Protein backbone atom coordinates (compact mmCIF):
# COMPACT_ATOMS: atom_id res chain seq x y z
CA UNK A 1 -19.50 10.49 22.48
CA UNK A 2 -17.63 8.12 24.80
CA UNK A 3 -14.28 8.91 23.18
CA UNK A 4 -15.03 12.64 23.40
CA UNK A 5 -15.59 12.54 27.13
CA UNK A 6 -12.70 10.16 27.61
CA UNK A 7 -10.41 12.74 26.03
CA UNK A 8 -11.97 15.45 28.21
CA UNK A 9 -11.18 13.36 31.30
CA UNK A 10 -7.61 12.89 30.10
CA UNK A 11 -7.37 16.66 29.64
CA UNK A 12 -8.45 17.31 33.24
CA UNK A 13 -6.16 14.69 34.71
CA UNK A 14 -3.26 15.82 32.56
CA UNK A 15 -3.76 19.42 33.56
CA UNK A 16 -3.83 18.58 37.27
CA UNK A 17 -0.91 16.18 37.20
CA UNK A 18 1.67 17.89 35.05
CA UNK A 19 0.52 21.24 33.69
CA UNK A 20 -0.51 20.55 30.14
CA UNK A 21 1.41 23.37 28.55
CA UNK A 22 4.62 22.44 30.28
CA UNK A 23 4.46 19.01 28.66
CA UNK A 24 5.15 20.56 25.27
CA UNK A 25 8.31 22.61 25.76
CA UNK A 26 10.93 19.89 26.29
CA UNK A 27 13.84 20.51 23.95
CA UNK A 28 12.24 23.58 22.40
CA UNK A 29 14.57 26.54 21.85
CA UNK A 30 12.67 29.85 22.26
CA UNK A 31 12.61 32.19 19.29
CA UNK A 32 15.21 34.88 19.98
CA UNK A 33 13.87 38.27 20.94
CA UNK A 34 13.83 40.58 17.94
CA UNK A 35 13.86 37.74 15.39
CA UNK A 36 12.82 39.47 12.17
CA UNK A 37 11.79 38.44 8.65
CA UNK A 38 14.66 37.83 6.25
CA UNK A 39 15.18 36.91 2.64
CA UNK A 40 17.28 34.12 1.18
CA UNK A 41 19.62 33.79 -1.75
CA UNK A 42 18.28 32.96 -5.22
CA UNK A 43 19.60 29.43 -4.74
CA UNK A 44 17.71 29.02 -1.46
CA UNK A 45 14.50 30.37 -2.99
CA UNK A 46 14.80 28.01 -5.96
CA UNK A 47 15.37 25.08 -3.62
CA UNK A 48 12.39 26.14 -1.52
CA UNK A 49 10.17 26.26 -4.60
CA UNK A 50 11.12 22.67 -5.34
CA UNK A 51 10.64 21.55 -1.75
CA UNK A 52 7.09 22.92 -1.48
CA UNK A 53 6.31 20.80 -4.55
CA UNK A 54 7.79 17.80 -2.79
CA UNK A 55 5.64 18.48 0.28
CA UNK A 56 2.53 19.21 -1.83
CA UNK A 57 2.01 22.20 0.47
CA UNK A 58 -0.12 24.34 -1.83
CA UNK A 59 -2.89 21.74 -2.07
CA UNK A 60 -3.96 22.16 1.55
CA UNK A 61 -3.15 25.85 1.75
CA UNK A 62 -5.35 26.84 -1.19
CA UNK A 63 -9.14 26.87 -0.92
CA UNK A 64 -11.02 25.52 -3.91
CA UNK A 65 -11.39 28.48 -6.28
CA UNK A 66 -9.30 30.64 -3.97
CA UNK A 67 -5.97 32.42 -4.27
CA UNK A 68 -2.99 30.05 -4.17
CA UNK A 69 -1.28 29.84 -0.79
CA UNK A 70 -3.83 32.11 0.95
CA UNK A 71 -5.33 29.31 3.04
CA UNK A 72 -8.96 28.84 3.94
CA UNK A 73 -9.33 25.26 2.81
CA UNK A 74 -11.27 23.11 5.26
CA UNK A 75 -9.72 19.79 6.21
CA UNK A 76 -12.36 17.47 7.61
CA UNK A 77 -11.32 15.21 10.50
CA UNK A 78 -13.30 12.92 12.83
CA UNK A 79 -13.04 15.72 15.42
CA UNK A 80 -14.31 18.58 13.27
CA UNK A 81 -12.89 20.78 10.52
CA UNK A 82 -9.49 22.47 10.59
CA UNK A 83 -8.89 25.36 8.19
CA UNK A 84 -5.47 25.84 6.62
CA UNK A 85 -3.61 29.07 7.22
CA UNK A 86 -2.43 31.82 4.90
CA UNK A 87 1.20 31.23 3.88
CA UNK A 88 1.64 34.40 1.83
CA UNK A 89 3.81 37.16 3.35
CA UNK A 90 0.91 39.42 4.28
CA UNK A 91 1.95 41.07 7.57
CA UNK A 92 -1.46 40.90 9.24
CA UNK A 93 -3.04 37.64 8.03
CA UNK A 94 -0.10 35.64 6.69
CA UNK A 95 3.58 35.03 7.41
CA UNK A 96 4.74 38.60 6.82
CA UNK A 97 6.00 39.08 10.39
CA UNK A 98 7.44 35.60 10.78
CA UNK A 99 11.18 35.08 10.97
CA UNK A 100 12.95 31.95 9.78
CA UNK A 101 13.13 30.96 13.45
CA UNK A 102 9.36 31.24 13.83
CA UNK A 103 8.86 29.12 10.74
CA UNK A 104 11.32 26.50 11.97
CA UNK A 105 9.50 26.36 15.29
CA UNK A 106 6.22 25.69 13.45
CA UNK A 107 7.79 22.95 11.32
CA UNK A 108 9.80 21.32 14.08
CA UNK A 109 7.65 21.92 17.17
CA UNK A 110 4.16 22.57 15.80
CA UNK A 111 3.86 26.00 17.40
CA UNK A 112 2.53 29.15 15.72
CA UNK A 113 3.98 32.66 15.64
CA UNK A 114 2.22 33.66 18.85
CA UNK A 115 3.14 30.44 20.65
CA UNK A 116 -0.19 28.62 20.18
CA UNK A 117 -0.04 24.89 19.61
CA UNK A 118 -0.93 23.90 16.05
CA UNK A 119 -3.29 21.09 15.12
CA UNK A 120 -1.66 18.04 13.52
CA UNK A 121 -3.84 18.38 10.41
CA UNK A 122 -0.67 20.33 9.58
CA UNK A 123 1.57 17.24 9.64
CA UNK A 124 4.27 18.59 11.93
CA UNK A 125 4.90 15.09 13.37
CA UNK A 126 6.39 14.39 9.92
CA UNK A 127 7.72 17.89 9.24
CA UNK A 128 9.66 17.68 12.49
CA UNK A 129 12.10 15.45 10.58
CA UNK A 130 12.79 18.14 7.96
CA UNK A 131 16.25 19.69 8.27
CA UNK A 132 16.72 23.32 9.27
CA UNK A 133 18.33 23.98 5.89
CA UNK A 134 15.25 22.74 4.04
CA UNK A 135 12.90 24.56 6.42
CA UNK A 136 14.72 27.83 5.77
CA UNK A 137 14.61 27.29 2.01
CA UNK A 138 10.83 26.77 2.14
CA UNK A 139 10.46 29.91 4.27
CA UNK A 140 12.54 31.98 1.85
CA UNK A 141 10.45 30.81 -1.09
CA UNK A 142 7.18 31.65 0.68
CA UNK A 143 8.58 35.14 1.32
CA UNK A 144 8.65 35.72 -2.46
CA UNK A 145 4.91 35.09 -2.95
CA UNK A 146 2.58 38.02 -3.55
CA UNK A 147 1.02 38.94 -0.18
CA UNK A 148 -2.70 38.23 0.09
CA UNK A 149 -4.82 39.68 2.85
CA UNK A 150 -7.09 36.82 3.92
CA UNK A 151 -7.88 36.37 7.62
CA UNK A 152 -7.84 32.86 9.03
CA UNK A 153 -11.10 30.94 9.13
CA UNK A 154 -11.77 29.75 12.71
CA UNK A 155 -11.54 26.00 13.18
CA UNK A 156 -14.84 24.19 13.68
CA UNK A 157 -13.86 21.49 16.17
CA UNK A 158 -16.10 19.66 18.60
CA UNK A 159 -15.57 20.07 22.34
CA UNK A 160 -13.05 19.44 23.84
CA UNK A 161 -10.86 19.08 20.73
CA UNK A 162 -10.88 22.80 20.05
CA UNK A 163 -9.08 23.64 23.29
CA UNK A 164 -5.36 24.21 23.64
CA UNK A 165 -5.43 22.06 26.79
CA UNK A 166 -6.73 19.02 24.90
CA UNK A 167 -4.18 19.59 22.15
CA UNK A 168 -1.37 19.86 24.70
CA UNK A 169 -2.32 16.51 26.21
CA UNK A 170 -2.54 14.92 22.75
CA UNK A 171 0.94 16.16 21.97
CA UNK A 172 2.27 14.94 25.31
CA UNK A 173 0.93 11.48 24.51
CA UNK A 174 1.72 11.21 20.80
CA UNK A 175 4.26 13.82 19.65
CA UNK A 176 7.97 14.17 20.24
CA UNK A 177 9.88 16.66 18.08
CA UNK A 178 12.83 15.04 16.45
CA UNK A 179 14.98 14.95 13.36
CA UNK A 180 15.77 12.48 10.65
CA UNK A 181 18.37 9.97 11.80
CA UNK A 182 20.27 8.41 8.88
CA UNK A 183 20.93 4.69 8.97
CA UNK A 184 24.70 4.29 8.77
CA UNK A 185 24.32 0.76 7.42
CA UNK A 186 22.43 2.04 4.36
CA UNK A 187 23.51 3.98 1.30
CA UNK A 188 23.17 7.75 0.94
CA UNK A 189 20.50 7.18 -1.72
CA UNK A 190 18.43 4.94 0.58
CA UNK A 191 18.68 7.50 3.37
CA UNK A 192 17.57 10.25 1.00
CA UNK A 193 14.51 8.18 0.12
CA UNK A 194 13.76 7.51 3.78
CA UNK A 195 14.11 11.23 4.56
CA UNK A 196 11.63 12.18 1.82
CA UNK A 197 9.09 9.50 2.76
CA UNK A 198 9.33 10.04 6.52
CA UNK A 199 9.65 13.83 6.40
CA UNK A 200 8.57 16.33 3.77
CA UNK A 201 6.68 13.72 1.74
CA UNK A 202 4.70 12.90 4.94
CA UNK A 203 3.54 9.58 3.44
CA UNK A 204 2.59 8.25 6.89
CA UNK A 205 -0.04 10.98 7.24
CA UNK A 206 -2.22 8.80 4.98
CA UNK A 207 -0.48 5.44 4.69
CA UNK A 208 0.26 5.14 8.41
CA UNK A 209 -3.32 4.84 9.59
CA UNK A 210 -4.71 6.53 12.71
CA UNK A 211 -5.54 5.39 16.21
CA UNK A 212 -8.82 6.50 17.91
CA UNK A 213 -7.09 9.71 18.99
CA UNK A 214 -6.02 10.62 15.45
CA UNK A 215 -2.34 9.80 15.93
CA UNK A 216 -0.24 7.74 13.55
CA UNK A 217 1.07 4.53 15.20
CA UNK A 218 4.73 3.81 15.84
CA UNK A 219 5.55 7.44 16.48
CA UNK A 220 4.50 8.42 12.98
CA UNK A 221 6.72 5.82 11.30
CA UNK A 222 4.03 3.30 10.39
CA UNK A 223 3.28 2.70 6.71
CA UNK A 224 0.85 -0.15 7.44
CA UNK A 225 -2.17 1.48 5.80
CA UNK A 226 -5.40 2.96 7.06
CA UNK A 227 -8.60 4.76 6.17
CA UNK A 228 -8.34 8.45 5.31
CA UNK A 229 -11.27 9.84 7.33
CA UNK A 230 -11.46 13.13 5.46
CA UNK A 231 -11.59 11.39 2.08
CA UNK A 232 -13.28 8.03 2.82
CA UNK A 233 -10.59 6.27 0.80
CA UNK A 234 -8.20 3.64 2.13
CA UNK A 235 -4.47 4.38 1.91
CA UNK A 236 -3.03 0.89 1.34
CA UNK A 237 -0.13 -0.52 3.30
CA UNK A 238 3.19 0.22 1.62
CA UNK A 239 4.75 -2.86 3.19
CA UNK A 240 2.16 -5.44 2.14
CA UNK A 241 2.36 -7.42 -1.12
CA UNK A 242 -1.44 -7.77 -0.94
CA UNK A 243 -1.90 -4.01 -0.87
CA UNK A 244 0.67 -1.49 -2.14
CA UNK A 245 3.99 -3.16 -1.34
CA UNK A 246 6.55 -2.95 -4.15
CA UNK A 247 9.33 -5.15 -2.82
CA UNK A 248 9.16 -7.36 -5.92
CA UNK A 249 8.84 -4.50 -8.43
CA UNK A 250 11.74 -3.28 -10.58
CA UNK A 251 12.85 0.16 -9.42
CA UNK A 252 12.04 1.68 -12.81
CA UNK A 253 8.41 0.52 -12.49
CA UNK A 254 8.12 2.18 -9.07
CA UNK A 255 9.60 5.40 -10.45
CA UNK A 256 7.15 5.33 -13.37
CA UNK A 257 4.19 4.87 -11.04
CA UNK A 258 5.27 7.80 -8.85
CA UNK A 259 6.19 10.11 -11.74
CA UNK A 260 3.60 9.22 -14.39
CA UNK A 261 0.75 7.75 -12.34
CA UNK A 262 0.94 4.56 -14.41
CA UNK A 263 3.46 1.77 -14.89
CA UNK A 264 3.48 -1.79 -16.25
CA UNK A 265 2.64 -2.98 -12.72
CA UNK A 266 -0.18 -0.63 -11.76
CA UNK A 267 -1.71 2.83 -11.77
CA UNK A 268 -2.87 5.49 -9.30
CA UNK A 269 -6.43 6.58 -8.55
CA UNK A 270 -8.26 8.77 -6.06
CA UNK A 271 -6.17 10.83 -3.60
CA UNK A 272 -2.93 9.24 -4.81
CA UNK A 273 -3.62 10.37 -8.37
CA UNK A 274 -3.96 13.89 -6.97
CA UNK A 275 -0.60 13.55 -5.20
CA UNK A 276 1.04 12.44 -8.45
CA UNK A 277 -0.54 15.29 -10.40
CA UNK A 278 0.26 18.06 -7.93
CA UNK A 279 3.52 16.82 -6.47
CA UNK A 280 5.28 13.64 -7.54
CA UNK A 281 5.44 14.31 -11.28
CA UNK A 282 7.53 17.41 -10.46
CA UNK A 283 10.14 15.59 -8.37
CA UNK A 284 13.70 15.22 -9.57
CA UNK A 285 14.48 11.80 -10.99
CA UNK A 286 17.18 11.11 -8.41
CA UNK A 287 14.69 11.76 -5.58
CA UNK A 288 12.10 9.49 -7.19
CA UNK A 289 14.73 6.78 -7.55
CA UNK A 290 15.74 7.19 -3.89
CA UNK A 291 12.13 6.87 -2.72
CA UNK A 292 11.65 3.81 -4.94
CA UNK A 293 14.74 2.21 -3.40
CA UNK A 294 13.47 2.91 0.11
CA UNK A 295 9.95 1.60 -0.57
CA UNK A 296 11.34 -1.51 -2.21
CA UNK A 297 13.37 -2.23 0.94
CA UNK A 298 10.45 -2.16 3.41
CA UNK A 299 10.15 -5.50 5.22
CA UNK A 300 6.99 -7.17 3.85
CA UNK A 301 4.01 -7.80 6.08
CA UNK A 302 1.13 -10.10 5.17
CA UNK A 303 -1.20 -8.98 7.94
CA UNK A 304 -3.54 -7.10 5.60
CA UNK A 305 -4.56 -9.88 3.17
CA UNK A 306 -8.10 -9.85 1.83
CA UNK A 307 -10.52 -12.61 2.76
CA UNK A 308 -13.99 -13.29 4.02
CA UNK A 309 -17.22 -15.12 3.32
CA UNK A 310 -17.91 -15.88 -0.35
CA UNK A 311 -21.06 -14.32 -1.85
CA UNK A 312 -24.30 -16.24 -2.17
CA UNK A 313 -24.88 -17.79 -5.61
CA UNK A 314 -27.67 -15.32 -6.39
CA UNK A 315 -25.38 -12.37 -5.55
CA UNK A 316 -22.60 -13.84 -7.65
CA UNK A 317 -24.98 -14.26 -10.58
CA UNK A 318 -26.23 -10.67 -10.27
CA UNK A 319 -22.67 -9.36 -10.07
CA UNK A 320 -21.64 -11.29 -13.19
CA UNK A 321 -24.60 -9.83 -15.10
CA UNK A 322 -23.78 -6.29 -13.98
CA UNK A 323 -20.16 -6.82 -15.02
CA UNK A 324 -21.12 -8.12 -18.46
CA UNK A 325 -23.52 -5.22 -19.02
CA UNK A 326 -21.36 -2.33 -17.79
CA UNK A 327 -17.71 -3.41 -17.48
CA UNK A 328 -16.67 -6.18 -19.88
CA UNK A 329 -16.44 -4.00 -22.99
CA UNK A 330 -13.52 -2.09 -21.47
CA UNK A 331 -12.01 -4.42 -18.86
CA UNK A 332 -12.45 -7.62 -20.89
CA UNK A 333 -14.57 -10.70 -20.46
CA UNK A 334 -12.00 -12.15 -18.08
CA UNK A 335 -10.88 -8.94 -16.41
CA UNK A 336 -7.73 -8.78 -18.49
CA UNK A 337 -7.87 -5.04 -19.24
CA UNK A 338 -6.11 -3.47 -22.18
CA UNK A 339 -2.50 -2.37 -22.65
CA UNK A 340 -0.89 0.05 -25.07
CA UNK A 341 1.88 -1.11 -27.38
CA UNK A 342 4.34 0.34 -24.85
CA UNK A 343 3.09 -2.12 -22.22
CA UNK A 344 1.44 0.55 -20.08
CA UNK A 345 -2.05 -0.42 -18.88
CA UNK A 346 -4.49 1.88 -20.68
CA UNK A 347 -7.45 0.17 -19.02
CA UNK A 348 -6.27 -1.66 -15.90
CA UNK A 349 -6.83 -5.38 -15.54
CA UNK A 350 -9.21 -6.40 -12.77
CA UNK A 351 -8.03 -9.99 -12.49
CA UNK A 352 -5.36 -10.01 -9.80
CA UNK A 353 -5.77 -6.29 -9.17
CA UNK A 354 -4.92 -5.40 -5.57
CA UNK A 355 -7.47 -2.57 -5.46
CA UNK A 356 -10.11 -5.23 -6.10
CA UNK A 357 -8.97 -7.75 -3.50
CA UNK A 358 -7.66 -5.66 -0.59
CA UNK A 359 -9.57 -5.16 2.64
CA UNK A 360 -11.38 -2.96 3.38
CA UNK A 361 -13.04 -2.69 -0.07
CA UNK A 362 -13.32 1.10 0.24
CA UNK A 363 -11.34 1.99 -2.88
CA UNK A 364 -13.09 -0.54 -5.09
CA UNK A 365 -16.48 0.82 -4.00
CA UNK A 366 -15.43 4.43 -4.50
CA UNK A 367 -14.09 3.76 -7.99
CA UNK A 368 -17.33 2.04 -9.01
CA UNK A 369 -19.43 4.84 -7.51
CA UNK A 370 -17.36 7.91 -8.45
CA UNK A 371 -15.32 6.67 -11.41
CA UNK A 372 -11.60 6.21 -11.79
CA UNK A 373 -9.32 8.87 -13.22
CA UNK A 374 -5.55 8.70 -13.60
CA UNK A 375 -3.54 11.93 -13.35
CA UNK A 376 -2.50 13.73 -16.52
CA UNK A 377 1.30 13.81 -16.48
CA UNK A 378 4.11 14.36 -18.94
CA UNK A 379 4.60 10.60 -19.10
CA UNK A 380 0.86 9.93 -19.54
CA UNK A 381 -0.65 13.14 -20.94
CA UNK A 382 -3.99 11.72 -22.08
CA UNK A 383 -5.03 9.06 -19.55
CA UNK A 384 -8.13 6.98 -19.95
CA UNK A 385 -10.86 7.48 -17.37
CA UNK A 386 -13.65 5.33 -16.02
CA UNK A 387 -17.13 6.86 -15.75
CA UNK A 388 -19.00 6.83 -12.42
CA UNK A 389 -21.79 4.31 -11.88
CA UNK A 390 -23.10 5.66 -8.59
CA UNK A 391 -26.28 6.97 -10.23
CA UNK A 392 -26.71 3.97 -12.52
CA UNK A 393 -26.43 1.16 -9.98
CA UNK A 394 -28.01 0.88 -6.54
CA UNK A 395 -26.14 -0.28 -3.44
CA UNK A 396 -27.18 -3.92 -3.87
CA UNK A 397 -25.98 -3.98 -7.49
CA UNK A 398 -22.69 -2.31 -6.60
CA UNK A 399 -22.17 -4.79 -3.76
CA UNK A 400 -22.91 -7.69 -6.12
CA UNK A 401 -20.51 -6.33 -8.75
CA UNK A 402 -17.77 -5.84 -6.17
CA UNK A 403 -18.38 -9.33 -4.78
CA UNK A 404 -18.11 -10.78 -8.27
CA UNK A 405 -14.81 -9.01 -8.92
CA UNK A 406 -13.39 -10.13 -5.57
CA UNK A 407 -14.19 -13.80 -6.19
CA UNK A 408 -13.75 -14.14 -9.98
CA UNK A 409 -10.70 -15.30 -11.96
CA UNK A 410 -9.12 -17.06 -9.00
CA UNK A 411 -9.59 -14.29 -6.42
CA UNK A 412 -10.79 -15.26 -2.95
CA UNK A 413 -11.26 -11.89 -1.25
CA UNK A 414 -14.81 -12.36 -0.02
CA UNK A 415 -18.18 -10.71 -0.49
CA UNK A 416 -19.11 -7.05 -0.18
CA UNK A 417 -22.42 -6.19 1.51
CA UNK A 418 -24.76 -3.31 0.58
CA UNK A 419 -23.95 -1.87 4.00
CA UNK A 420 -20.30 -1.62 2.94
CA UNK A 421 -21.34 0.35 -0.13
CA UNK A 422 -23.44 2.70 1.98
CA UNK A 423 -20.47 3.22 4.30
CA UNK A 424 -17.83 4.01 1.69
CA UNK A 425 -19.68 5.61 -1.19
CA UNK A 426 -20.16 9.01 0.50
CA UNK A 427 -17.72 11.43 2.05
CA UNK A 428 -15.46 14.08 0.63
CA UNK A 429 -14.60 14.27 -3.02
CA UNK A 430 -11.73 12.67 -4.81
């Protein structure tokens, strides 16, 4: 409540001091009068079809059980629910009247066809770094979709977040349209990886974390990890060896993780498994290699190491019993897991597993409660899955099991309380 009224106060002060709408037009080129829809070449359309896979655009713009690309999916945020728009070329409810210039303005400036400011649930702070050439290719591909008449679902945002004035102030504080600036001291491949991670891949939208106002720190460049409010998972830091840093991984292991969802060094679960399934497995190998090279180069940070108070002996004993009864048959008596002859982890080891030891323990709790499922990919077509235990174990037993895992086999990550389980077990689906 305090934050809500604080934002409202900022809105009023911003409106009086500078004119909130005027704060959002710096550097923006108006759409030319008479700008009309247009179609691209077959090469541009084919490139656009690939790029929407890279950006994983269809996932948000397709309601569960709905027509692909027709919008209507609700995206939960701490400020209310934002509903994705219709990207089919329907002239009345979709992009049918949009020109390439209108689409570029939405991608680069976060402004809709009629000039309204868009909500950053559409990650235009990242898309602003996408080149005009790539923006046009995406637009031309979307023009080839079958038109679907589906009116937009009104956003369900709390006051004052649903006002254009509040959004204008947010943008004035946290958004500056820009482009990708290559690093001349780096190779073309490294810069390609940086462009994909910082732009169309919009990795910072999850892995960058959010401040109390919903903005990604460091101007949207942070990859230091953070909770995903709409999913109740934790997107681990991509620059931390204790979380998801890969500075010491061979490039081919990083590529395998991104493409297949599993590699000799780890596997993907939860929202990241969904990203692999819907997007990353379809990327070109040279783009995957470029991203791997970029991620490997991130300067490591050790600010996110796990730690905390060790569990009481009684909790440790309960956790060990729960593990022996429900987990040891698959994960091994000593948390060693099980590997295929190829070296890929069929059942991941728990000893030394970063999902187990990282803070906060959100992902560990969610895997225990909801199960763990790797994506089915060409490189791993029949992945093993872990059943959910949320209806078998109560919060105290789950906390004891998690505490056991975080302090067994040399780990020193600290105890998990039943309150932690209650906090992280609920929320949106996987």
